[in-house]
Amino acid sequence: MNASSAKPGSARIERVVLEGPSVRLEPMTLEHHGELSQVGCDPELWRFTASVVRTPAEMLDYMLAAQKMESEGTGLPFVTIERSTGKVVGSTRFRNYDSTNRHVEIGFTWLAAPWQRTAINTETKYLMLTHAFETLGCARVELRTHAMNTRSRNAILRLGATEEAVLRKDTMMWNGQHRDTVYYSILDEEWSRVKQRLELLMASYR
């Protein structure tokens, strides 16, 4: 993992490349538009999300919104790259960074269908959680998902996160319907246990 010069309590998330054996998380730029469009314009990927990407134009809008969040200092979007091929296979990001209260959310995570249920998602979360707790000095990392997204809920619990609450009609989705959102968290005192759990999960893929 290549750490940035960010210090605990820093007011912003600085750009950083996070890299493991299977995956490289690289800060998103508009140069990634073509590759993201090739793998990300699948409506099934966006069934439970607030936004939808079905065309390259919608992918551009999605990327510009992500970059706005970064410019405000509250987030950092990544492209997810399979190291063995160098191919962009998805995206994820830090968001809602709060340096005063020392917490951040991992969200907007998606992987194109051929790379789902592989080591890539587990390793991605491992890299981001390590950066959040060990470089940014976070006390809390949040994750959230649609209450009806059973696959995502199971995946978050498998990480070792704790389910906290269901916020009813929390988010307006792209189709005009409200979704109930389930909130999860991992705390700094839990990180050592979760880290060991993730390392065992990653070893099982080898």
Protein backbone atom coordinates (compact mmCIF):
# COMPACT_ATOMS: atom_id res chain seq x y z
CA MET A 1 0.00 0.00 0.00
CA ASN A 2 1.38 3.40 -0.95
CA ALA A 3 0.36 5.80 1.80
CA SER A 4 -0.02 9.52 1.30
CA SER A 5 1.32 12.19 3.63
CA ALA A 6 -2.11 12.50 5.27
CA LYS A 7 -1.98 12.66 9.06
CA PRO A 8 -4.69 11.73 11.58
CA GLY A 9 -6.97 14.74 11.96
CA SER A 10 -6.12 16.15 8.52
CA ALA A 11 -8.99 18.25 7.19
CA ARG A 12 -8.97 16.58 3.79
CA ILE A 13 -8.46 13.15 2.27
CA GLU A 14 -5.37 13.42 0.12
CA ARG A 15 -4.98 11.49 -3.12
CA VAL A 16 -3.37 8.11 -2.63
CA VAL A 17 -2.84 4.86 -4.54
CA LEU A 18 -3.74 1.74 -2.55
CA GLU A 19 -2.33 -1.50 -3.86
CA GLY A 20 -2.47 -5.17 -2.85
CA PRO A 21 -1.66 -8.50 -4.50
CA SER A 22 -4.83 -8.56 -6.64
CA VAL A 23 -6.07 -5.00 -6.88
CA ARG A 24 -4.88 -1.45 -7.38
CA LEU A 25 -7.09 1.46 -6.29
CA GLU A 26 -6.16 4.52 -8.29
CA PRO A 27 -7.73 7.99 -7.86
CA MET A 28 -10.43 8.49 -10.48
CA THR A 29 -9.76 10.93 -13.32
CA LEU A 30 -11.70 11.70 -16.48
CA GLU A 31 -9.10 9.68 -18.38
CA HIS A 32 -10.78 6.58 -16.90
CA HIS A 33 -14.11 7.43 -18.54
CA GLY A 34 -13.78 5.05 -21.48
CA GLU A 35 -12.71 2.07 -19.38
CA LEU A 36 -15.40 2.67 -16.75
CA SER A 37 -18.02 2.98 -19.48
CA GLN A 38 -16.96 -0.36 -20.96
CA VAL A 39 -17.62 -2.26 -17.74
CA GLY A 40 -20.09 -0.08 -15.86
CA CYS A 41 -23.06 0.61 -18.13
CA ASP A 42 -24.93 -2.44 -16.86
CA PRO A 43 -28.34 -1.57 -15.34
CA GLU A 44 -28.12 -4.54 -12.97
CA LEU A 45 -25.18 -2.85 -11.21
CA TRP A 46 -27.39 0.12 -10.32
CA ARG A 47 -30.60 -1.65 -9.29
CA PHE A 48 -30.30 -0.65 -5.62
CA THR A 49 -28.48 2.67 -5.98
CA ALA A 50 -29.44 6.32 -5.86
CA SER A 51 -27.87 6.99 -9.27
CA VAL A 52 -27.99 4.98 -12.49
CA VAL A 53 -25.42 4.59 -15.26
CA ARG A 54 -26.67 3.13 -18.54
CA THR A 55 -24.70 5.16 -21.08
CA PRO A 56 -21.25 6.78 -21.39
CA ALA A 57 -22.94 10.16 -20.90
CA GLU A 58 -24.43 9.03 -17.58
CA MET A 59 -21.04 7.62 -16.59
CA LEU A 60 -19.52 11.05 -17.20
CA ASP A 61 -22.16 12.66 -14.97
CA TYR A 62 -21.40 10.05 -12.30
CA MET A 63 -17.68 10.80 -12.48
CA LEU A 64 -18.15 14.57 -12.37
CA ALA A 65 -20.30 14.22 -9.24
CA ALA A 66 -17.56 12.10 -7.67
CA GLN A 67 -14.91 14.68 -8.52
CA LYS A 68 -17.06 17.45 -7.01
CA MET A 69 -17.12 15.50 -3.74
CA GLU A 70 -13.34 15.22 -3.90
CA SER A 71 -12.91 18.94 -4.60
CA GLU A 72 -14.94 19.70 -1.47
CA GLY A 73 -12.50 17.61 0.56
CA THR A 74 -15.11 15.15 1.81
CA GLY A 75 -14.38 12.22 -0.47
CA LEU A 76 -11.95 10.42 -2.72
CA PRO A 77 -13.19 8.28 -5.65
CA PHE A 78 -11.10 5.39 -6.95
CA VAL A 79 -11.13 3.18 -9.99
CA THR A 80 -10.65 -0.50 -9.18
CA ILE A 81 -7.98 -2.15 -11.32
CA GLU A 82 -7.29 -5.87 -11.59
CA ARG A 83 -3.52 -6.01 -11.21
CA SER A 84 -2.98 -9.19 -13.21
CA THR A 85 -4.49 -7.63 -16.35
CA GLY A 86 -4.32 -3.89 -15.69
CA LYS A 87 -8.05 -3.71 -16.50
CA VAL A 88 -10.44 -1.28 -14.82
CA VAL A 89 -13.19 -3.47 -13.32
CA GLY A 90 -15.16 -1.10 -11.09
CA SER A 91 -15.08 1.81 -8.71
CA THR A 92 -15.34 2.69 -5.02
CA ARG A 93 -14.76 5.75 -2.87
CA PHE A 94 -14.31 7.32 0.52
CA ARG A 95 -17.11 9.77 1.24
CA ASN A 96 -18.56 11.89 4.07
CA TYR A 97 -15.12 12.33 5.61
CA ASP A 98 -15.31 14.15 8.95
CA SER A 99 -11.89 14.94 10.38
CA THR A 100 -13.29 16.52 13.54
CA ASN A 101 -15.25 13.44 14.55
CA ARG A 102 -12.76 11.09 12.85
CA HIS A 103 -15.06 9.07 10.67
CA VAL A 104 -15.49 8.25 7.00
CA GLU A 105 -17.78 6.15 4.86
CA ILE A 106 -16.80 3.56 2.24
CA GLY A 107 -19.43 3.60 -0.47
CA PHE A 108 -20.37 3.81 -4.15
CA THR A 109 -18.70 0.42 -4.55
CA TRP A 110 -19.43 -1.60 -7.68
CA LEU A 111 -17.68 -4.33 -9.62
CA ALA A 112 -18.53 -5.50 -13.12
CA ALA A 113 -20.20 -8.92 -13.14
CA PRO A 114 -17.18 -11.07 -14.15
CA TRP A 115 -15.22 -9.84 -11.10
CA GLN A 116 -17.94 -10.17 -8.50
CA ARG A 117 -17.40 -12.77 -5.77
CA THR A 118 -13.65 -12.75 -6.32
CA ALA A 119 -10.80 -11.65 -4.07
CA ILE A 120 -11.01 -8.14 -5.49
CA ASN A 121 -13.87 -6.84 -3.32
CA THR A 122 -12.44 -8.25 -0.09
CA GLU A 123 -8.99 -6.88 -0.85
CA THR A 124 -10.47 -3.50 -1.80
CA LYS A 125 -12.19 -3.22 1.57
CA TYR A 126 -9.02 -4.34 3.34
CA LEU A 127 -6.95 -1.62 1.66
CA MET A 128 -9.50 1.10 2.33
CA LEU A 129 -10.11 0.12 5.94
CA THR A 130 -6.37 -0.05 6.57
CA HIS A 131 -5.95 3.44 5.14
CA ALA A 132 -8.91 4.80 7.11
CA PHE A 133 -7.80 3.45 10.47
CA GLU A 134 -4.01 3.44 10.15
CA THR A 135 -3.34 6.54 8.03
CA LEU A 136 -6.36 8.83 8.44
CA GLY A 137 -6.69 7.87 12.11
CA CYS A 138 -10.43 7.26 11.91
CA ALA A 139 -12.35 6.10 14.98
CA ARG A 140 -15.26 4.86 12.88
CA VAL A 141 -15.81 3.66 9.33
CA GLU A 142 -19.36 3.48 8.00
CA LEU A 143 -20.94 1.41 5.25
CA ARG A 144 -24.52 1.48 4.04
CA THR A 145 -26.73 -0.29 1.54
CA HIS A 146 -30.31 -0.73 0.36
CA ALA A 147 -32.34 -2.78 2.82
CA MET A 148 -33.43 -5.06 -0.04
CA ASN A 149 -29.89 -5.67 -1.31
CA THR A 150 -29.35 -9.01 0.39
CA ARG A 151 -26.07 -9.74 -1.38
CA SER A 152 -24.55 -6.44 -0.28
CA ARG A 153 -25.83 -6.81 3.28
CA ASN A 154 -24.31 -10.27 3.58
CA ALA A 155 -21.02 -9.06 2.11
CA ILE A 156 -20.79 -6.20 4.64
CA LEU A 157 -21.52 -8.51 7.56
CA ARG A 158 -18.92 -10.92 6.22
CA LEU A 159 -16.33 -8.17 6.60
CA GLY A 160 -17.03 -8.10 10.32
CA ALA A 161 -19.05 -4.87 10.40
CA THR A 162 -21.87 -4.32 12.91
CA GLU A 163 -25.38 -3.55 11.70
CA GLU A 164 -26.66 -0.47 13.52
CA ALA A 165 -29.98 0.72 12.17
CA VAL A 166 -32.42 0.90 9.28
CA LEU A 167 -33.30 4.43 8.21
CA ARG A 168 -36.68 4.32 6.53
CA LYS A 169 -37.14 6.29 3.31
CA ASP A 170 -33.60 7.56 3.74
CA THR A 171 -32.53 8.00 0.11
CA MET A 172 -34.31 8.97 -3.11
CA MET A 173 -33.31 6.58 -5.88
CA TRP A 174 -32.87 7.34 -9.55
CA ASN A 175 -36.33 5.88 -10.34
CA GLY A 176 -38.11 8.27 -7.97
CA GLN A 177 -38.67 5.70 -5.22
CA HIS A 178 -37.39 6.06 -1.69
CA ARG A 179 -35.21 3.33 -0.27
CA ASP A 180 -34.74 2.14 3.27
CA THR A 181 -31.01 2.22 4.06
CA VAL A 182 -29.17 -0.10 6.43
CA TYR A 183 -26.21 1.42 8.27
CA TYR A 184 -23.14 -0.55 9.43
CA SER A 185 -19.93 0.43 11.16
CA ILE A 186 -16.49 -0.75 12.22
CA LEU A 187 -14.80 1.00 15.14
CA ASP A 188 -11.11 1.53 15.75
CA GLU A 189 -11.07 -0.87 18.72
CA GLU A 190 -12.59 -3.53 16.45
CA TRP A 191 -10.14 -3.02 13.62
CA SER A 192 -7.53 -5.53 14.78
CA ARG A 193 -10.12 -8.33 14.85
CA VAL A 194 -11.65 -7.30 11.52
CA LYS A 195 -8.21 -7.00 9.92
CA GLN A 196 -7.33 -10.57 10.93
CA ARG A 197 -10.69 -11.75 9.59
CA LEU A 198 -10.09 -10.08 6.23
CA GLU A 199 -6.58 -11.49 5.97
CA LEU A 200 -7.97 -14.99 6.48
CA LEU A 201 -10.64 -14.36 3.83
CA MET A 202 -8.05 -13.12 1.35
CA ALA A 203 -5.85 -16.15 2.04
CA SER A 204 -8.79 -18.43 1.20
CA TYR A 205 -8.85 -17.04 -2.38
CA ARG A 206 -5.23 -18.03 -3.05
